[in-house]
Amino acid sequence: MDSKIETLATVKVNRHDDTYKIVDLLNRTLKTEGLMFGLALDEKDKEQMVFTIYRT
């Protein structure tokens, strides 16, 4: 089974403690549409987070 993940968009946002809740909700709601969402701290600026949308 060949599974490819395509990055659709990436944006940096200000860090906020509850941002992960939005990403979790999007992942649970849109999984059946072939979309996946990621959130990570920016390696260079720990006050920024990187939000990414993927197609699975």
Protein backbone atom coordinates (compact mmCIF):
# COMPACT_ATOMS: atom_id res chain seq x y z
CA MET A 1 0.00 0.00 0.00
CA ASP A 2 1.59 3.24 -1.18
CA SER A 3 0.40 6.12 1.03
CA LYS A 4 1.51 9.63 0.11
CA ILE A 5 0.97 12.74 2.18
CA GLU A 6 0.85 16.04 0.28
CA THR A 7 1.41 19.38 2.02
CA LEU A 8 -1.32 21.79 0.95
CA ALA A 9 -0.53 24.86 3.07
CA THR A 10 1.63 26.05 5.95
CA VAL A 11 1.33 29.17 8.06
CA LYS A 12 3.02 30.51 11.21
CA VAL A 13 0.75 31.74 14.00
CA ASN A 14 1.36 33.19 17.44
CA ARG A 15 1.70 30.57 20.13
CA HIS A 16 -1.41 29.98 22.22
CA ASP A 17 -2.08 27.19 24.69
CA ASP A 18 -5.44 26.16 23.17
CA THR A 19 -4.43 26.04 19.49
CA TYR A 20 -4.02 22.26 19.68
CA LYS A 21 -7.77 21.96 20.42
CA ILE A 22 -8.62 23.46 17.03
CA VAL A 23 -6.18 21.13 15.26
CA ASP A 24 -7.62 18.12 17.11
CA LEU A 25 -11.18 19.12 16.15
CA LEU A 26 -10.21 19.59 12.50
CA ASN A 27 -8.46 16.21 12.40
CA ARG A 28 -11.44 14.38 13.92
CA THR A 29 -13.99 16.19 11.73
CA LEU A 30 -12.23 16.15 8.35
CA LYS A 31 -10.37 12.82 8.47
CA THR A 32 -12.98 11.24 6.18
CA GLU A 33 -12.32 14.00 3.62
CA GLY A 34 -8.67 12.96 3.33
CA LEU A 35 -7.34 15.96 5.22
CA MET A 36 -4.91 16.02 8.14
CA PHE A 37 -3.71 18.98 10.19
CA GLY A 38 -0.44 19.44 12.02
CA LEU A 39 0.83 21.85 14.65
CA ALA A 40 4.41 22.29 15.85
CA LEU A 41 6.52 24.87 17.60
CA ASP A 42 8.71 26.89 15.26
CA GLU A 43 12.29 25.74 15.85
CA LYS A 44 13.70 29.26 15.52
CA ASP A 45 11.02 31.20 17.42
CA LYS A 46 9.35 29.38 20.31
CA GLU A 47 6.62 32.05 20.44
CA GLN A 48 5.40 30.95 16.99
CA MET A 49 3.65 27.75 15.94
CA VAL A 50 3.59 26.19 12.48
CA PHE A 51 0.14 25.05 11.33
CA THR A 52 0.13 22.71 8.32
CA ILE A 53 -2.66 21.21 6.22
CA TYR A 54 -2.03 17.87 4.48
CA ARG A 55 -3.94 15.73 2.00
CA THR A 56 -3.69 12.01 2.75
